[in-house]
């Protein structure tokens, strides 16, 4: 605001000085106005007091008679006349009125302005020192003037001839004055009282300014405006420069900060102060935000996969709100799915290598022992089964080797968990995959869920998962059924919602309830869908569990497969 010397005055001091100046100026102006108004009020009050005294004296019958008598006779200046006036009734009445009321003077004149009564008897018979014309014309006058006895507030009232009423002939005047010293003394007394009030108000203003400055100092953590501005700039640069989305709320769950990355990843555009429940967050994101336990949670938002981490913010034990960080894992998730597919293929290749090695060892033994006929019959049998053909009957109905390898890997995984994975009788896929990652994402999630459901049914004699794949042009239809317990009726309508799962969490990173939501998201991105065809068909069926079906358009084509072309 201003500077004293080489260093700027701190904001706290500026606030105190500014407020003291404002309070002092306001009180000074108020004091000046009060003094002016008080002076005018006192002058009016003393003028009205003098006017009342003058009216009383002028209306006295004796005064009217004596003034009329002197007005009718010719003045005779000299010691005898002055002695007569000094000893006369007018002088007596004037002195009594002056002493009784405390006035500075009570003067009575005739119609020529000659003094008939005056506090200074040496002035008797002389002309008054101020113009009496207005009063002798019949008007009452209240005025502040300087006369022979000093400055005073005086009232002048005409004296009317006796027995003529209120509109009679003017025969003289009565002038009553009250010294301005009395006015000044009372004014000073009032100002001293007001001054004490002003000083008290000023001290209260200073105290309030100091308290406000301390409060400001606490709210700003002792930072100066330049430091606050620098912090805002740094915060803006950090929030909008990092690769993570950030959403912050206060203790009442109202939005305080949202950076550009959070708006992009979460598809929201809230304003400051909006309630977090109404800014468009998905149920899973909102639940993770409100839980604020610091654990990473994976969620699908639109066509993106994000990882959420929410934490509460406290200061000195007082809750200040919560902060949600959002990281984009869409590309990582895509790479993960591709890696899973490659891992599945490598598992199948290792199984094939192991199977081929066993078969070659058997052939070598037959040939070395001189039994070529048996070796020939064994080779004929191998030519009919193909590599790992016995591992999954009916796999020859699927042309794409990538899909064959994936199903073989899932069959091996199922066997490890005591579950039989089999192909449905209507399976037929003559085309090759053009979107193997998307297909294996949907198919893999459905198979994993089915295998887990079948494995969880410990009372079942046979744990079976059946998958059926049917080609329709460039569209792949998938149906997966299992022998598990099915989907509870209360979850049938919400099974595809993020965070909803028929299995316990058990500390799974990011929580359960993501696979089906992700599968539906991938399918709908292709123009298809995934839905629950049957939540459970009852114990009379071998596959008594749930059945899911998926439709994936534009994932098949005739000719060489897409993954082979890339190789």
Protein backbone atom coordinates (compact mmCIF):
# COMPACT_ATOMS: atom_id res chain seq x y z
CA UNK A 1 0.00 0.00 0.00
CA UNK A 2 2.75 2.42 0.94
CA UNK A 3 6.41 2.27 1.80
CA UNK A 4 8.50 3.58 4.65
CA UNK A 5 12.18 3.33 3.92
CA UNK A 6 13.71 0.47 2.00
CA UNK A 7 11.24 -2.14 3.25
CA UNK A 8 7.51 -2.16 2.71
CA UNK A 9 5.23 -1.92 5.71
CA UNK A 10 3.68 -5.28 6.58
CA UNK A 11 0.05 -5.80 5.69
CA UNK A 12 -0.90 -6.19 9.35
CA UNK A 13 0.54 -2.76 10.15
CA UNK A 14 -1.06 -1.25 7.06
CA UNK A 15 -4.47 -2.51 8.13
CA UNK A 16 -4.06 -1.09 11.65
CA UNK A 17 -2.84 2.29 10.41
CA UNK A 18 -5.49 2.51 7.71
CA UNK A 19 -8.32 1.67 10.07
CA UNK A 20 -7.00 4.04 12.75
CA UNK A 21 -6.86 6.77 10.11
CA UNK A 22 -10.39 6.03 8.91
CA UNK A 23 -11.76 5.87 12.45
CA UNK A 24 -9.89 9.03 13.46
CA UNK A 25 -11.06 10.94 10.39
CA UNK A 26 -14.65 9.78 10.89
CA UNK A 27 -14.63 10.71 14.57
CA UNK A 28 -12.98 14.07 13.80
CA UNK A 29 -15.64 14.92 11.23
CA UNK A 30 -18.36 13.78 13.62
CA UNK A 31 -16.85 15.90 16.41
CA UNK A 32 -16.70 18.95 14.16
CA UNK A 33 -20.29 18.51 13.05
CA UNK A 34 -21.34 18.02 16.68
CA UNK A 35 -19.52 21.20 17.74
CA UNK A 36 -21.12 23.25 14.97
CA UNK A 37 -24.60 21.88 15.62
CA UNK A 38 -24.18 22.32 19.38
CA UNK A 39 -23.07 25.92 18.95
CA UNK A 40 -26.09 26.67 16.77
CA UNK A 41 -28.40 24.86 19.15
CA UNK A 42 -27.08 26.71 22.21
CA UNK A 43 -27.24 30.06 20.43
CA UNK A 44 -30.86 29.34 19.50
CA UNK A 45 -31.67 28.21 23.03
CA UNK A 46 -30.12 31.32 24.63
CA UNK A 47 -31.76 33.52 22.01
CA UNK A 48 -35.16 32.03 22.82
CA UNK A 49 -34.42 32.47 26.52
CA UNK A 50 -33.54 36.13 25.98
CA UNK A 51 -36.65 36.55 23.84
CA UNK A 52 -38.84 35.14 26.63
CA UNK A 53 -37.30 37.53 29.17
CA UNK A 54 -37.71 40.49 26.82
CA UNK A 55 -41.36 39.61 26.12
CA UNK A 56 -42.04 39.33 29.83
CA UNK A 57 -40.52 42.72 30.59
CA UNK A 58 -42.15 44.39 27.57
CA UNK A 59 -45.58 43.11 28.52
CA UNK A 60 -45.35 44.44 32.09
CA UNK A 61 -48.14 47.08 32.44
CA UNK A 62 -45.93 49.39 34.49
CA UNK A 63 -43.20 49.21 31.86
CA UNK A 64 -45.69 50.05 29.10
CA UNK A 65 -47.08 53.02 31.05
CA UNK A 66 -43.69 54.46 31.95
CA UNK A 67 -42.22 53.95 28.47
CA UNK A 68 -45.30 55.61 26.91
CA UNK A 69 -44.98 58.54 29.34
CA UNK A 70 -41.29 59.10 28.45
CA UNK A 71 -42.04 58.72 24.76
CA UNK A 72 -44.70 61.42 24.96
CA UNK A 73 -42.44 64.01 26.62
CA UNK A 74 -39.46 65.74 25.12
CA UNK A 75 -36.08 64.42 26.35
CA UNK A 76 -34.29 66.69 28.80
CA UNK A 77 -30.68 65.56 28.92
CA UNK A 78 -28.80 66.46 32.06
CA UNK A 79 -27.89 65.23 35.52
CA UNK A 80 -31.39 65.66 36.89
CA UNK A 81 -32.99 63.64 34.11
CA UNK A 82 -30.36 60.90 34.37
CA UNK A 83 -30.88 60.80 38.17
CA UNK A 84 -34.64 60.48 37.62
CA UNK A 85 -34.10 57.57 35.25
CA UNK A 86 -31.66 55.88 37.61
CA UNK A 87 -34.08 56.10 40.49
CA UNK A 88 -37.16 55.32 38.37
CA UNK A 89 -39.29 52.23 38.21
CA UNK A 90 -37.99 51.17 34.77
CA UNK A 91 -34.44 50.88 36.10
CA UNK A 92 -35.68 48.92 39.08
CA UNK A 93 -37.71 46.50 36.93
CA UNK A 94 -34.78 46.01 34.51
CA UNK A 95 -32.29 45.33 37.31
CA UNK A 96 -34.61 42.85 38.98
CA UNK A 97 -35.18 40.98 35.71
CA UNK A 98 -31.42 40.92 34.96
CA UNK A 99 -30.50 39.63 38.39
CA UNK A 100 -33.33 37.12 38.48
CA UNK A 101 -32.54 35.59 35.05
CA UNK A 102 -28.76 35.94 34.99
CA UNK A 103 -28.87 37.95 31.77
CA UNK A 104 -25.94 40.16 30.75
CA UNK A 105 -28.21 43.16 30.40
CA UNK A 106 -31.84 44.28 30.26
CA UNK A 107 -32.15 47.62 28.40
CA UNK A 108 -35.36 49.64 27.94
CA UNK A 109 -35.58 52.48 25.39
CA UNK A 110 -38.21 54.91 24.16
CA UNK A 111 -39.39 55.24 20.58
CA UNK A 112 -36.32 57.33 19.72
CA UNK A 113 -33.80 54.71 20.90
CA UNK A 114 -32.81 56.61 24.07
CA UNK A 115 -31.92 54.33 26.99
CA UNK A 116 -34.45 54.53 29.84
CA UNK A 117 -32.88 51.60 31.76
CA UNK A 118 -29.39 50.17 31.48
CA UNK A 119 -27.04 48.16 33.75
CA UNK A 120 -24.47 50.97 33.41
CA UNK A 121 -26.22 54.03 34.74
CA UNK A 122 -23.72 56.32 33.04
CA UNK A 123 -25.30 55.17 29.74
CA UNK A 124 -28.80 56.29 30.68
CA UNK A 125 -30.28 58.88 28.31
CA UNK A 126 -27.89 57.89 25.50
CA UNK A 127 -28.74 56.34 22.15
CA UNK A 128 -28.40 52.57 21.92
CA UNK A 129 -25.27 51.27 20.16
CA UNK A 130 -27.18 49.05 17.69
CA UNK A 131 -29.84 49.90 15.13
CA UNK A 132 -33.33 49.79 16.75
CA UNK A 133 -35.31 50.51 13.59
CA UNK A 134 -36.64 46.99 12.97
CA UNK A 135 -37.88 46.62 16.52
CA UNK A 136 -39.44 50.10 16.62
CA UNK A 137 -41.20 49.11 13.42
CA UNK A 138 -42.98 46.38 15.38
CA UNK A 139 -40.79 43.29 14.73
CA UNK A 140 -39.15 41.00 17.27
CA UNK A 141 -35.45 40.40 16.63
CA UNK A 142 -33.09 37.67 17.92
CA UNK A 143 -29.52 38.37 16.88
CA UNK A 144 -25.90 37.94 17.88
CA UNK A 145 -24.25 41.35 18.14
CA UNK A 146 -21.39 43.22 19.78
CA UNK A 147 -22.49 46.14 21.94
CA UNK A 148 -21.16 48.30 24.75
CA UNK A 149 -21.20 45.34 27.15
CA UNK A 150 -19.47 42.97 24.72
CA UNK A 151 -20.67 40.24 22.39
CA UNK A 152 -23.97 38.68 23.31
CA UNK A 153 -26.97 36.81 22.03
CA UNK A 154 -29.77 39.35 22.34
CA UNK A 155 -33.49 39.53 21.83
CA UNK A 156 -35.31 42.81 21.09
CA UNK A 157 -39.07 43.18 21.64
CA UNK A 158 -41.20 46.30 20.96
CA UNK A 159 -43.04 47.96 23.88
CA UNK A 160 -46.61 48.85 22.97
CA UNK A 161 -48.63 51.73 24.36
CA UNK A 162 -50.92 50.75 27.28
CA UNK A 163 -54.52 49.79 26.62
CA UNK A 164 -53.91 49.27 22.88
CA UNK A 165 -53.74 45.42 22.67
CA UNK A 166 -51.17 43.41 20.70
CA UNK A 167 -51.37 45.64 17.63
CA UNK A 168 -51.02 48.99 19.32
CA UNK A 169 -48.55 51.83 18.78
CA UNK A 170 -44.87 51.10 19.49
CA UNK A 171 -43.54 53.43 22.16
CA UNK A 172 -40.17 51.78 22.84
CA UNK A 173 -38.24 48.54 23.02
CA UNK A 174 -36.81 46.03 25.51
CA UNK A 175 -33.44 44.48 24.68
CA UNK A 176 -32.20 41.47 26.69
CA UNK A 177 -28.73 40.05 26.11
CA UNK A 178 -27.02 36.89 27.32
CA UNK A 179 -23.24 36.89 27.10
CA UNK A 180 -21.65 34.58 24.53
CA UNK A 181 -19.24 33.62 27.30
CA UNK A 182 -22.07 31.65 28.91
CA UNK A 183 -22.86 30.07 25.56
CA UNK A 184 -19.19 29.27 25.07
CA UNK A 185 -18.82 27.76 28.53
CA UNK A 186 -21.79 25.45 28.08
CA UNK A 187 -20.57 24.54 24.59
CA UNK A 188 -17.13 23.67 25.97
CA UNK A 189 -18.75 21.54 28.64
CA UNK A 190 -20.72 19.64 26.00
CA UNK A 191 -17.61 19.29 23.82
CA UNK A 192 -15.59 17.92 26.73
CA UNK A 193 -18.20 15.22 27.23
CA UNK A 194 -18.28 14.51 23.52
CA UNK A 195 -14.47 14.50 23.47
CA UNK A 196 -14.40 11.75 26.08
CA UNK A 197 -16.79 9.74 23.93
CA UNK A 198 -14.65 10.36 20.83
CA UNK A 199 -11.49 9.28 22.64
CA UNK A 200 -13.24 6.13 23.88
CA UNK A 201 -14.52 5.39 20.39
CA UNK A 202 -11.05 5.95 18.94
CA UNK A 203 -9.49 3.59 21.47
CA UNK A 204 -12.19 1.01 20.72
CA UNK A 205 -11.52 1.43 16.99
CA UNK A 206 -7.79 0.95 17.54
CA UNK A 207 -8.44 -2.18 19.62
CA UNK A 208 -10.80 -3.54 16.96
CA UNK A 209 -8.24 -2.78 14.24
CA UNK A 210 -5.53 -4.63 16.13
CA UNK A 211 -7.82 -7.63 16.68
CA UNK A 212 -8.81 -7.63 13.01
CA UNK A 213 -5.17 -7.45 11.98
CA UNK A 214 -4.37 -10.43 14.23
CA UNK A 215 -7.31 -12.32 12.80
CA UNK A 216 -6.12 -11.58 9.26
CA UNK A 217 -2.61 -12.62 10.25
CA UNK A 218 -3.95 -15.97 11.48
CA UNK A 219 -6.14 -16.57 8.43
CA UNK A 220 -3.27 -15.89 6.02
CA UNK A 221 -0.78 -17.91 8.10
CA UNK A 222 1.36 -14.81 8.47
CA UNK A 223 1.88 -14.46 4.71
CA UNK A 224 2.07 -11.13 2.96
CA UNK A 225 -0.01 -10.32 -0.17
CA UNK A 226 2.96 -10.85 -2.47
CA UNK A 227 3.62 -14.22 -0.87
CA UNK A 228 -0.07 -15.17 -1.18
CA UNK A 229 -0.06 -14.14 -4.85
CA UNK A 230 3.06 -16.22 -5.45
CA UNK A 231 1.45 -19.22 -3.74
CA UNK A 232 -1.65 -18.89 -5.93
CA UNK A 233 0.50 -18.75 -9.05
CA UNK A 234 2.52 -21.77 -7.92
CA UNK A 235 -0.65 -23.70 -7.05
CA UNK A 236 -2.15 -22.89 -10.43
CA UNK A 237 1.03 -23.97 -12.20
CA UNK A 238 1.27 -27.22 -10.23
CA UNK A 239 -2.42 -28.14 -10.46
CA UNK A 240 -2.62 -27.54 -14.20
CA UNK A 241 0.87 -28.82 -14.99
CA UNK A 242 0.78 -32.27 -13.41
CA UNK A 243 -0.44 -35.32 -15.27
CA UNK A 244 -2.92 -36.31 -12.56
CA UNK A 245 -6.41 -35.03 -11.97
CA UNK A 246 -7.05 -33.35 -8.63
CA UNK A 247 -10.43 -32.60 -7.04
CA UNK A 248 -10.52 -30.96 -3.60
CA UNK A 249 -13.53 -30.35 -1.36
CA UNK A 250 -13.98 -28.57 1.96
CA UNK A 251 -15.37 -30.02 5.19
CA UNK A 252 -18.93 -29.59 3.87
CA UNK A 253 -18.08 -31.56 0.69
CA UNK A 254 -18.25 -28.52 -1.54
CA UNK A 255 -15.82 -28.28 -4.45
CA UNK A 256 -12.90 -25.92 -3.92
CA UNK A 257 -10.34 -27.00 -6.56
CA UNK A 258 -10.64 -28.91 -9.85
CA UNK A 259 -7.77 -28.95 -12.32
CA UNK A 260 -8.02 -29.43 -16.09
CA UNK A 261 -6.87 -33.06 -16.00
CA UNK A 262 -9.64 -33.99 -13.54
CA UNK A 263 -12.23 -32.30 -15.75
CA UNK A 264 -10.95 -34.31 -18.74
CA UNK A 265 -10.65 -37.71 -17.03
CA UNK A 266 -13.88 -37.54 -15.03
CA UNK A 267 -15.94 -35.67 -17.64
CA UNK A 268 -17.06 -32.99 -15.18
CA UNK A 269 -17.09 -29.21 -15.19
CA UNK A 270 -18.09 -28.06 -11.68
CA UNK A 271 -17.88 -24.57 -10.26
CA UNK A 272 -16.42 -23.60 -6.92
CA UNK A 273 -18.89 -24.20 -4.14
CA UNK A 274 -20.88 -26.93 -5.95
CA UNK A 275 -21.88 -29.95 -3.86
CA UNK A 276 -19.75 -32.96 -4.79
CA UNK A 277 -22.86 -35.15 -5.13
CA UNK A 278 -24.17 -32.99 -7.97
CA UNK A 279 -21.12 -32.52 -10.23
CA UNK A 280 -21.61 -35.69 -12.29
CA UNK A 281 -19.24 -38.22 -10.70
CA UNK A 282 -20.03 -41.89 -11.31
CA UNK A 283 -21.27 -43.86 -8.28
CA UNK A 284 -17.98 -45.72 -7.91
CA UNK A 285 -15.90 -42.52 -8.11
CA UNK A 286 -18.19 -40.81 -5.61
CA UNK A 287 -18.02 -43.77 -3.23
CA UNK A 288 -14.22 -43.86 -3.42
CA UNK A 289 -14.08 -40.08 -2.83
CA UNK A 290 -16.34 -40.19 0.23
CA UNK A 291 -14.54 -43.23 1.67
CA UNK A 292 -11.21 -41.36 1.47
CA UNK A 293 -9.18 -44.22 2.96
CA UNK A 294 -6.08 -43.61 0.85
CA UNK A 295 -6.36 -46.95 -1.01
CA UNK A 296 -6.19 -46.99 -4.83
CA UNK A 297 -9.47 -47.88 -6.53
CA UNK A 298 -9.84 -48.68 -10.22
CA UNK A 299 -12.90 -47.32 -12.02
CA UNK A 300 -14.26 -46.99 -15.54
CA UNK A 301 -15.32 -43.48 -16.54
CA UNK A 302 -16.68 -43.23 -20.06
CA UNK A 303 -14.15 -44.90 -22.33
CA UNK A 304 -11.31 -44.54 -19.81
CA UNK A 305 -9.93 -46.64 -16.99
CA UNK A 306 -8.73 -44.51 -14.07
CA UNK A 307 -7.19 -45.18 -10.67
CA UNK A 308 -8.59 -43.11 -7.81
CA UNK A 309 -6.95 -42.27 -4.50
CA UNK A 310 -8.81 -40.14 -1.95
CA UNK A 311 -7.48 -38.86 1.35
CA UNK A 312 -8.89 -36.64 4.07
CA UNK A 313 -7.08 -33.40 4.93
CA UNK A 314 -6.74 -32.24 8.53
CA UNK A 315 -4.84 -29.46 10.28
CA UNK A 316 -4.20 -29.52 13.99
CA UNK A 317 -6.86 -32.19 14.38
CA UNK A 318 -9.50 -30.14 12.56
CA UNK A 319 -10.95 -31.66 9.33
CA UNK A 320 -10.47 -29.37 6.35
CA UNK A 321 -11.91 -31.58 3.62
CA UNK A 322 -10.66 -34.25 1.21
CA UNK A 323 -8.56 -34.54 -1.96
CA UNK A 324 -9.14 -36.98 -4.81
CA UNK A 325 -6.29 -37.77 -7.20
CA UNK A 326 -7.11 -39.36 -10.56
CA UNK A 327 -4.59 -41.19 -12.75
CA UNK A 328 -5.34 -42.32 -16.29
CA UNK A 329 -4.66 -46.03 -16.76
CA UNK A 330 -6.43 -46.48 -20.09
CA UNK A 331 -3.24 -47.06 -22.08
CA UNK A 332 -1.70 -49.12 -19.28
CA UNK A 333 -4.83 -51.22 -19.03
CA UNK A 334 -4.80 -51.78 -22.78
CA UNK A 335 -1.17 -52.88 -22.63
CA UNK A 336 -2.01 -55.10 -19.66
CA UNK A 337 -4.75 -56.81 -21.61
CA UNK A 338 -2.37 -57.34 -24.53
CA UNK A 339 0.24 -58.72 -22.14
CA UNK A 340 -2.33 -61.06 -20.63
CA UNK A 341 -3.18 -62.30 -24.10
CA UNK A 342 0.49 -62.86 -24.92
CA UNK A 343 0.98 -64.59 -21.56
CA UNK A 344 -1.96 -66.88 -22.33
CA UNK A 345 -0.47 -67.77 -25.70
CA UNK A 346 2.95 -68.39 -24.19
CA UNK A 347 1.33 -70.70 -21.61
CA UNK A 348 -0.27 -72.68 -24.40
CA UNK A 349 3.02 -72.80 -26.33
CA UNK A 350 4.81 -74.13 -23.26
CA UNK A 351 2.12 -76.76 -22.86
CA UNK A 352 2.45 -77.70 -26.54
CA UNK A 353 6.22 -77.89 -26.22
CA UNK A 354 5.89 -80.18 -23.21
CA UNK A 355 3.32 -82.34 -25.03
CA UNK A 356 5.44 -82.55 -28.19
CA UNK A 357 8.48 -83.50 -26.16
CA UNK A 358 6.58 -86.36 -24.49
CA UNK A 359 5.33 -87.62 -27.87
CA UNK A 360 8.78 -87.48 -29.44
CA UNK A 361 10.23 -89.38 -26.51
CA UNK A 362 7.62 -92.10 -27.03
CA UNK A 363 8.33 -92.29 -30.78
CA UNK A 364 12.06 -92.46 -30.13
CA UNK A 365 11.53 -95.32 -27.71
CA UNK A 366 9.38 -97.27 -30.15
CA UNK A 367 11.87 -96.87 -32.98
CA UNK A 368 14.88 -97.75 -30.84
CA UNK A 369 13.20 -100.91 -29.60
CA UNK A 370 12.52 -102.12 -33.15
CA UNK A 371 8.75 -101.57 -33.22
CA UNK A 372 8.23 -99.39 -36.30
CA UNK A 373 4.66 -100.64 -36.87
CA UNK A 374 3.52 -99.39 -33.48
CA UNK A 375 5.33 -96.07 -34.11
CA UNK A 376 3.48 -95.69 -37.41
CA UNK A 377 0.10 -96.32 -35.77
CA UNK A 378 0.96 -93.79 -33.06
CA UNK A 379 1.83 -91.14 -35.70
CA UNK A 380 -1.46 -91.78 -37.50
CA UNK A 381 -3.30 -91.10 -34.23
CA UNK A 382 -1.34 -87.90 -33.66
CA UNK A 383 -2.22 -86.58 -37.11
CA UNK A 384 -5.91 -86.88 -36.24
CA UNK A 385 -5.73 -85.08 -32.87
CA UNK A 386 -3.45 -82.10 -33.58
CA UNK A 387 -1.47 -80.20 -30.98
CA UNK A 388 -3.26 -80.30 -27.63
CA UNK A 389 -6.35 -81.41 -29.46
CA UNK A 390 -7.39 -83.68 -26.64
CA UNK A 391 -7.05 -80.80 -24.17
CA UNK A 392 -10.31 -79.17 -25.32
CA UNK A 393 -12.66 -81.16 -27.54
CA UNK A 394 -14.32 -79.23 -30.35
CA UNK A 395 -11.66 -76.50 -30.55
CA UNK A 396 -11.24 -77.31 -34.25
CA UNK A 397 -14.53 -75.46 -34.84
CA UNK A 398 -12.56 -72.29 -34.17
CA UNK A 399 -10.29 -71.24 -37.01
CA UNK A 400 -8.37 -68.37 -35.41
CA UNK A 401 -5.21 -69.76 -33.75
CA UNK A 402 -5.05 -66.81 -31.36
CA UNK A 403 -8.52 -67.62 -30.04
CA UNK A 404 -7.66 -71.33 -29.92
CA UNK A 405 -4.56 -70.62 -27.87
CA UNK A 406 -6.50 -68.31 -25.53
CA UNK A 407 -9.19 -70.92 -24.90
CA UNK A 408 -6.56 -73.60 -24.35
CA UNK A 409 -4.86 -71.40 -21.76
CA UNK A 410 -8.17 -70.74 -20.00
CA UNK A 411 -8.89 -74.49 -20.05
CA UNK A 412 -5.55 -75.14 -18.38
CA UNK A 413 -6.33 -72.44 -15.79
CA UNK A 414 -9.72 -74.03 -15.16
CA UNK A 415 -8.19 -77.48 -14.67
CA UNK A 416 -5.81 -76.04 -12.09
CA UNK A 417 -8.88 -74.85 -10.16
CA UNK A 418 -10.75 -78.13 -10.45
CA UNK A 419 -13.12 -76.81 -13.13
CA UNK A 420 -13.80 -78.27 -16.57
CA UNK A 421 -13.98 -75.72 -19.40
CA UNK A 422 -15.80 -77.02 -22.46
CA UNK A 423 -17.05 -75.64 -25.75
CA UNK A 424 -20.76 -75.54 -26.49
CA UNK A 425 -22.11 -77.79 -29.24
CA UNK A 426 -23.05 -74.88 -31.52
CA UNK A 427 -19.57 -73.31 -31.50
CA UNK A 428 -18.43 -72.24 -34.98
CA UNK A 429 -16.00 -69.41 -35.80
CA UNK A 430 -14.56 -69.57 -39.32
CA UNK A 431 -13.18 -66.03 -39.41
CA UNK A 432 -10.09 -64.54 -37.82
CA UNK A 433 -9.92 -61.85 -35.15
CA UNK A 434 -9.25 -58.24 -36.06
CA UNK A 435 -9.54 -56.96 -32.45
CA UNK A 436 -7.99 -59.76 -30.39
CA UNK A 437 -7.35 -57.60 -27.32
CA UNK A 438 -10.97 -56.44 -27.08
CA UNK A 439 -12.29 -59.97 -27.67
CA UNK A 440 -10.02 -61.56 -25.07
CA UNK A 441 -10.86 -58.79 -22.59
CA UNK A 442 -14.57 -59.53 -22.79
CA UNK A 443 -14.22 -63.31 -23.13
CA UNK A 444 -11.52 -63.50 -20.45
CA UNK A 445 -13.54 -61.59 -17.86
CA UNK A 446 -16.63 -63.69 -18.50
CA UNK A 447 -14.63 -66.95 -18.27
CA UNK A 448 -12.76 -65.85 -15.12
CA UNK A 449 -16.01 -64.98 -13.39
CA UNK A 450 -17.60 -68.27 -14.44
CA UNK A 451 -14.57 -70.32 -13.30
CA UNK A 452 -14.58 -68.56 -9.91
CA UNK A 453 -18.34 -69.16 -9.54
CA UNK A 454 -18.03 -72.86 -10.42
CA UNK A 455 -15.05 -73.35 -8.11
CA UNK A 456 -16.93 -71.69 -5.23
CA UNK A 457 -19.69 -74.35 -5.37
CA UNK A 458 -18.00 -76.95 -3.18
CA UNK A 459 -21.09 -79.20 -3.04
CA UNK A 460 -21.19 -79.76 -6.81
CA UNK A 461 -20.05 -83.17 -8.11
CA UNK A 462 -18.90 -81.60 -11.36
CA UNK A 463 -17.71 -78.04 -11.75
CA UNK A 464 -18.28 -77.05 -15.33
CA UNK A 465 -18.02 -73.88 -17.40
CA UNK A 466 -19.38 -73.94 -20.92
CA UNK A 467 -18.50 -71.31 -23.52
CA UNK A 468 -20.13 -71.10 -26.90
CA UNK A 469 -18.78 -68.92 -29.73
CA UNK A 470 -20.83 -68.28 -32.87
CA UNK A 471 -19.86 -66.23 -35.90
CA UNK A 472 -22.40 -64.01 -37.70
CA UNK A 473 -20.69 -62.08 -40.48
CA UNK A 474 -18.11 -59.90 -38.74
CA UNK A 475 -19.92 -60.22 -35.39
CA UNK A 476 -18.88 -62.67 -32.68
CA UNK A 477 -21.55 -63.93 -30.28
CA UNK A 478 -20.36 -65.31 -26.93
CA UNK A 479 -22.36 -67.25 -24.34
CA UNK A 480 -20.79 -68.35 -21.04
CA UNK A 481 -22.65 -70.51 -18.48
CA UNK A 482 -21.41 -72.20 -15.31
CA UNK A 483 -22.46 -74.69 -12.65
CA UNK A 484 -22.04 -72.23 -9.81
CA UNK A 485 -24.58 -70.61 -7.51
CA UNK A 486 -25.76 -67.96 -9.98
CA UNK A 487 -26.37 -64.26 -9.41
CA UNK A 488 -28.52 -63.30 -6.39
CA UNK A 489 -31.84 -61.72 -7.45
CA UNK A 490 -31.07 -58.49 -5.61
CA UNK A 491 -27.91 -58.03 -7.73
CA UNK A 492 -29.41 -58.96 -11.10
CA UNK A 493 -30.15 -55.35 -12.05
CA UNK A 494 -26.87 -53.92 -10.76
CA UNK A 495 -24.34 -56.64 -11.56
CA UNK A 496 -22.70 -54.44 -14.24
CA UNK A 497 -22.30 -51.47 -11.88
CA UNK A 498 -18.75 -50.78 -10.80
CA UNK A 499 -18.02 -52.10 -7.33
CA UNK A 500 -20.85 -54.69 -7.39
CA UNK A 501 -19.65 -58.27 -7.09
CA UNK A 502 -20.97 -61.62 -5.87
CA UNK A 503 -17.60 -62.36 -4.26
CA UNK A 504 -15.99 -60.84 -1.16
CA UNK A 505 -13.32 -58.18 -1.63
CA UNK A 506 -10.53 -59.93 0.34
CA UNK A 507 -8.12 -57.10 -0.22
CA UNK A 508 -8.08 -57.26 -4.00
CA UNK A 509 -6.18 -54.14 -5.23
CA UNK A 510 -8.65 -51.62 -6.58
CA UNK A 511 -11.57 -53.68 -5.27
CA UNK A 512 -13.82 -56.14 -7.07
CA UNK A 513 -16.72 -55.38 -9.36
CA UNK A 514 -14.64 -54.03 -12.25
CA UNK A 515 -14.48 -56.93 -14.75
CA UNK A 516 -18.10 -56.96 -15.87
CA UNK A 517 -18.28 -53.18 -16.02
CA UNK A 518 -15.11 -53.14 -18.13
CA UNK A 519 -16.42 -55.91 -20.41
CA UNK A 520 -19.65 -54.02 -21.05
CA UNK A 521 -17.68 -50.84 -21.66
CA UNK A 522 -15.45 -52.53 -24.25
CA UNK A 523 -18.41 -54.22 -25.94
CA UNK A 524 -20.43 -51.00 -26.16
CA UNK A 525 -17.40 -49.17 -27.55
CA UNK A 526 -17.50 -51.69 -30.40
CA UNK A 527 -21.24 -51.15 -30.89
CA UNK A 528 -22.27 -54.32 -29.08
CA UNK A 529 -23.21 -55.19 -25.51
CA UNK A 530 -22.85 -57.67 -22.64
CA UNK A 531 -25.88 -58.71 -20.60
CA UNK A 532 -27.05 -61.24 -18.06
CA UNK A 533 -29.22 -63.73 -19.94
CA UNK A 534 -30.13 -65.88 -16.91
CA UNK A 535 -29.18 -65.28 -13.25
CA UNK A 536 -29.55 -69.01 -12.44
CA UNK A 537 -31.53 -71.96 -13.81
CA UNK A 538 -31.96 -74.15 -10.73
CA UNK A 539 -30.36 -77.35 -9.40
CA UNK A 540 -32.10 -79.64 -11.93
CA UNK A 541 -29.72 -78.41 -14.66
CA UNK A 542 -26.05 -79.35 -14.93
CA UNK A 543 -25.23 -75.71 -15.69
CA UNK A 544 -27.42 -74.31 -12.96
CA UNK A 545 -25.49 -71.05 -12.55
CA UNK A 546 -25.68 -67.74 -14.35
CA UNK A 547 -25.42 -67.29 -18.11
CA UNK A 548 -23.92 -64.19 -19.73
CA UNK A 549 -24.05 -63.40 -23.43
CA UNK A 550 -22.01 -60.87 -25.39
CA UNK A 551 -22.26 -59.44 -28.90
CA UNK A 552 -19.08 -58.00 -30.41
CA UNK A 553 -19.52 -56.45 -33.89
CA UNK A 554 -16.68 -55.84 -36.36
CA UNK A 555 -14.18 -58.18 -34.66
CA UNK A 556 -13.97 -60.91 -37.35
CA UNK A 557 -12.85 -61.06 -40.96
CA UNK A 558 -11.98 -63.64 -43.55
CA UNK A 559 -8.33 -64.32 -44.27
CA UNK A 560 -5.19 -63.99 -42.17
CA UNK A 561 -5.71 -62.91 -38.56
CA UNK A 562 -4.74 -59.40 -37.50
CA UNK A 563 -2.22 -60.56 -34.93
CA UNK A 564 -0.48 -62.74 -37.49
CA UNK A 565 -0.27 -59.85 -39.95
CA UNK A 566 1.40 -57.74 -37.27
CA UNK A 567 3.99 -60.48 -36.76
